[in-house]
Amino acid sequence: MKRVIIIESQSGDWEILYIDGKEITQNHSIGEGNKLYMLKKAEEYNFTIDDVIIYTAKDEDEDDLRYNGNFPYSYSDLKGVYI
């Protein structure tokens, strides 16, 4: 089972996709609005919709996003606790 996590900014204008702890992409919209993007990633990385967890960024990660302009490239570098 893959660990697939999407974290979106509190305002909803920035997202990141992590698969097994590593960034796959981040942007204003994952896949830049391509509706088939997640289906292609699911096929490429062998995951299903049941593997996907979506979180809103915690305050400390939201602050880093504003300061750095992006989320960290590794899920383990996030400061917030996401369960």
C-alpha atoms as a PDB file:
ATOM      1  CA  MET A   1       0.000   0.000   0.000  1.00  0.00           C
ATOM      2  CA  LYS A   2       1.340   3.396  -1.007  1.00  0.00           C
ATOM      3  CA  ARG A   3       1.144   6.366   1.317  1.00  0.00           C
ATOM      4  CA  VAL A   4      -0.317   9.146  -0.808  1.00  0.00           C
ATOM      5  CA  ILE A   5      -0.793  12.508   0.878  1.00  0.00           C
ATOM      6  CA  ILE A   6      -2.042  15.784  -0.503  1.00  0.00           C
ATOM      7  CA  ILE A   7      -1.567  18.879   1.621  1.00  0.00           C
ATOM      8  CA  GLU A   8      -3.275  22.077   0.624  1.00  0.00           C
ATOM      9  CA  SER A   9      -2.646  25.543   1.940  1.00  0.00           C
ATOM     10  CA  GLN A  10      -5.225  27.007   4.297  1.00  0.00           C
ATOM     11  CA  SER A  11      -6.416  29.325   1.556  1.00  0.00           C
ATOM     12  CA  GLY A  12      -6.604  26.426  -0.902  1.00  0.00           C
ATOM     13  CA  ASP A  13      -4.369  28.126  -3.456  1.00  0.00           C
ATOM     14  CA  TRP A  14      -1.332  25.789  -3.175  1.00  0.00           C
ATOM     15  CA  GLU A  15      -1.095  21.999  -3.053  1.00  0.00           C
ATOM     16  CA  ILE A  16       1.568  19.341  -2.794  1.00  0.00           C
ATOM     17  CA  LEU A  17       1.400  15.641  -3.573  1.00  0.00           C
ATOM     18  CA  TYR A  18       3.636  13.304  -1.567  1.00  0.00           C
ATOM     19  CA  ILE A  19       3.953   9.625  -2.370  1.00  0.00           C
ATOM     20  CA  ASP A  20       5.792   7.545   0.202  1.00  0.00           C
ATOM     21  CA  GLY A  21       7.171  10.713   1.767  1.00  0.00           C
ATOM     22  CA  LYS A  22       8.617  12.321  -1.364  1.00  0.00           C
ATOM     23  CA  GLU A  23       7.271  15.246  -3.333  1.00  0.00           C
ATOM     24  CA  ILE A  24       5.815  14.321  -6.683  1.00  0.00           C
ATOM     25  CA  THR A  25       4.523  17.772  -7.552  1.00  0.00           C
ATOM     26  CA  GLN A  26       3.353  21.035  -6.031  1.00  0.00           C
ATOM     27  CA  ASN A  27       1.659  23.969  -7.607  1.00  0.00           C
ATOM     28  CA  HIS A  28      -1.467  26.109  -7.428  1.00  0.00           C
ATOM     29  CA  SER A  29      -3.323  23.060  -8.655  1.00  0.00           C
ATOM     30  CA  ILE A  30      -1.838  19.576  -8.663  1.00  0.00           C
ATOM     31  CA  GLY A  31      -1.329  18.609 -12.259  1.00  0.00           C
ATOM     32  CA  GLU A  32      -1.978  22.229 -13.214  1.00  0.00           C
ATOM     33  CA  GLY A  33      -5.670  21.548 -13.683  1.00  0.00           C
ATOM     34  CA  ASN A  34      -5.222  18.410 -15.789  1.00  0.00           C
ATOM     35  CA  LYS A  35      -8.189  16.288 -14.766  1.00  0.00           C
ATOM     36  CA  LEU A  36      -6.429  13.053 -15.726  1.00  0.00           C
ATOM     37  CA  TYR A  37      -3.243  13.853 -13.798  1.00  0.00           C
ATOM     38  CA  MET A  38      -4.127  11.891 -10.640  1.00  0.00           C
ATOM     39  CA  LEU A  39      -5.316   8.922 -12.696  1.00  0.00           C
ATOM     40  CA  LYS A  40      -1.982   8.866 -14.494  1.00  0.00           C
ATOM     41  CA  LYS A  41      -0.087   9.127 -11.200  1.00  0.00           C
ATOM     42  CA  ALA A  42      -2.206   6.342  -9.698  1.00  0.00           C
ATOM     43  CA  GLU A  43      -1.274   4.115 -12.602  1.00  0.00           C
ATOM     44  CA  GLU A  44       2.399   5.140 -12.503  1.00  0.00           C
ATOM     45  CA  TYR A  45       2.797   4.722  -8.717  1.00  0.00           C
ATOM     46  CA  ASN A  46       0.264   1.926  -8.229  1.00  0.00           C
ATOM     47  CA  PHE A  47      -2.185   3.483  -5.771  1.00  0.00           C
ATOM     48  CA  THR A  48      -5.950   3.800  -5.498  1.00  0.00           C
ATOM     49  CA  ILE A  49      -8.271   6.497  -4.227  1.00  0.00           C
ATOM     50  CA  ASP A  50      -8.429   4.648  -0.898  1.00  0.00           C
ATOM     51  CA  ASP A  51      -4.689   5.326  -0.429  1.00  0.00           C
ATOM     52  CA  VAL A  52      -5.091   9.118  -0.750  1.00  0.00           C
ATOM     53  CA  ILE A  53      -5.313  11.307   2.349  1.00  0.00           C
ATOM     54  CA  ILE A  54      -5.908  15.059   2.067  1.00  0.00           C
ATOM     55  CA  TYR A  55      -4.913  17.496   4.795  1.00  0.00           C
ATOM     56  CA  THR A  56      -5.029  21.252   5.229  1.00  0.00           C
ATOM     57  CA  ALA A  57      -1.647  22.704   6.200  1.00  0.00           C
ATOM     58  CA  LYS A  58      -1.051  23.306   9.902  1.00  0.00           C
ATOM     59  CA  ASP A  59      -0.171  26.877  10.931  1.00  0.00           C
ATOM     60  CA  GLU A  60       3.570  26.184  11.186  1.00  0.00           C
ATOM     61  CA  ASP A  61       3.709  24.711   7.679  1.00  0.00           C
ATOM     62  CA  GLU A  62       1.497  27.490   6.336  1.00  0.00           C
ATOM     63  CA  ASP A  63       4.003  30.030   7.733  1.00  0.00           C
ATOM     64  CA  ASP A  64       6.892  28.191   6.054  1.00  0.00           C
ATOM     65  CA  LEU A  65       4.935  28.061   2.792  1.00  0.00           C
ATOM     66  CA  ARG A  66       4.474  31.839   2.867  1.00  0.00           C
ATOM     67  CA  TYR A  67       8.151  32.385   3.709  1.00  0.00           C
ATOM     68  CA  ASN A  68       9.692  29.819   1.315  1.00  0.00           C
ATOM     69  CA  GLY A  69       7.121  29.858  -1.480  1.00  0.00           C
ATOM     70  CA  ASN A  70       6.635  26.101  -1.347  1.00  0.00           C
ATOM     71  CA  PHE A  71       6.163  23.114   0.931  1.00  0.00           C
ATOM     72  CA  PRO A  72       9.219  21.012   1.836  1.00  0.00           C
ATOM     73  CA  TYR A  73      10.243  18.393  -0.709  1.00  0.00           C
ATOM     74  CA  SER A  74      10.174  15.641   1.909  1.00  0.00           C
ATOM     75  CA  TYR A  75       7.085  14.859   3.967  1.00  0.00           C
ATOM     76  CA  SER A  76       9.301  14.279   7.003  1.00  0.00           C
ATOM     77  CA  ASP A  77      10.409  17.930   6.855  1.00  0.00           C
ATOM     78  CA  LEU A  78       6.902  19.210   7.577  1.00  0.00           C
ATOM     79  CA  LYS A  79       6.602  20.709  11.057  1.00  0.00           C
ATOM     80  CA  GLY A  80       2.924  19.960  11.635  1.00  0.00           C
ATOM     81  CA  VAL A  81       1.570  16.624  12.797  1.00  0.00           C
ATOM     82  CA  TYR A  82      -0.734  15.010  10.247  1.00  0.00           C
ATOM     83  CA  ILE A  83      -2.543  11.849  11.322  1.00  0.00           C
END
